[in-house]
Protein backbone atom coordinates (compact mmCIF):
# COMPACT_ATOMS: atom_id res chain seq x y z
CA MET A 1 -24.37 -21.04 10.51
CA THR A 2 -22.09 -19.77 7.78
CA ILE A 3 -20.61 -16.30 7.72
CA PRO A 4 -21.25 -14.37 4.49
CA ALA A 5 -18.13 -13.78 2.36
CA LYS A 6 -18.13 -9.99 2.90
CA PHE A 7 -18.20 -10.41 6.68
CA LYS A 8 -15.27 -12.82 6.45
CA GLU A 9 -13.36 -10.16 4.52
CA TYR A 10 -14.24 -7.51 7.12
CA ILE A 11 -13.17 -9.77 9.98
CA TRP A 12 -9.96 -10.70 8.17
CA LEU A 13 -9.14 -7.02 7.60
CA VAL A 14 -9.80 -6.05 11.22
CA ASN A 15 -7.70 -8.95 12.52
CA THR A 16 -4.86 -8.25 10.09
CA ILE A 17 -4.66 -4.59 11.10
CA ARG A 18 -5.07 -5.39 14.81
CA LYS A 19 -2.26 -7.94 14.76
CA ALA A 20 0.10 -5.62 12.89
CA ARG A 21 -0.87 -2.47 14.84
CA ARG A 22 0.56 -0.38 11.97
CA ILE A 23 0.49 -1.68 8.44
CA SER A 24 0.79 -0.20 4.98
CA PHE A 25 -1.65 -0.82 2.17
CA ALA A 26 1.13 -2.71 0.34
CA GLU A 27 1.49 -5.03 3.34
CA ILE A 28 -2.28 -5.53 3.53
CA GLN A 29 -2.25 -6.28 -0.19
CA GLU A 30 0.53 -8.86 0.26
CA LYS A 31 -1.30 -10.58 3.11
CA TRP A 32 -4.59 -10.44 1.19
CA LEU A 33 -3.08 -12.21 -1.80
CA ASP A 34 -1.97 -15.02 0.53
CA THR A 35 -5.61 -15.78 1.46
CA ASP A 36 -8.04 -18.03 -0.37
CA MET A 37 -10.56 -15.17 -0.26
CA SER A 38 -8.50 -13.16 -2.73
CA GLU A 39 -8.71 -15.80 -5.45
CA GLY A 40 -5.45 -14.25 -6.68
CA VAL A 41 -7.05 -10.83 -7.21
CA GLU A 42 -5.54 -7.75 -5.56
CA LEU A 43 -7.56 -5.74 -3.07
CA ALA A 44 -8.36 -2.46 -4.77
CA ARG A 45 -8.00 0.74 -2.76
CA SER A 46 -11.65 1.52 -3.46
CA THR A 47 -12.65 -1.89 -2.05
CA PHE A 48 -10.50 -1.21 1.00
CA ALA A 49 -12.30 2.13 1.44
CA ARG A 50 -15.73 0.46 1.21
CA HIS A 51 -14.65 -2.26 3.65
CA LYS A 52 -13.28 0.38 6.03
CA ASP A 53 -16.61 2.25 5.95
CA ALA A 54 -18.65 -0.96 6.39
CA ILE A 55 -16.49 -2.05 9.34
CA GLU A 56 -17.16 1.31 10.97
CA ASP A 57 -20.91 1.11 10.32
CA ILE A 58 -21.39 -2.53 11.32
CA PHE A 59 -18.87 -3.04 14.12
CA GLY A 60 -18.16 0.52 15.27
CA ILE A 61 -14.44 -0.01 14.63
CA TYR A 62 -12.58 2.97 13.20
CA ILE A 63 -9.63 2.23 10.95
CA LEU A 64 -7.32 5.21 10.90
CA THR A 65 -5.43 5.83 7.69
CA HIS A 66 -2.53 8.11 6.86
CA PRO A 67 -3.58 11.47 5.30
CA ILE A 68 -1.90 10.54 2.00
CA TRP A 69 -4.03 7.39 1.85
CA GLN A 70 -7.16 9.36 2.63
CA LYS A 71 -6.49 11.61 -0.35
CA ALA A 72 -5.91 8.60 -2.61
CA LEU A 73 -9.05 6.87 -1.32
CA ARG A 74 -11.17 9.98 -1.89
CA GLN A 75 -9.89 10.36 -5.44
CA GLU A 76 -10.58 6.72 -6.30
CA SER A 77 -14.07 6.76 -4.83
CA ARG A 78 -15.25 9.79 -6.81
CA PRO A 79 -18.06 8.95 -9.23
CA MET A 80 -17.08 8.97 -12.86
CA GLN A 81 -18.29 11.98 -14.76
CA HIS A 82 -19.58 11.57 -18.26
CA PRO A 83 -18.83 14.27 -20.80
């Protein structure tokens, strides 16, 4: 049985944070770029936010973020408004 790519990303993120205990987004980004999953593409903050939410929904694991990050994540995840 193969694990879908998104689940691999979720598991990688949980394990990376668990091993580090405390880790910045820049450090996550650095570690992410070292994986084959990244294909050399940075992990966007909005993708991190979606992964964080999916991990909570699927696995019941809460990833706590610093309040400054939460503000940045909220701003990036706002829908674009058309004039």
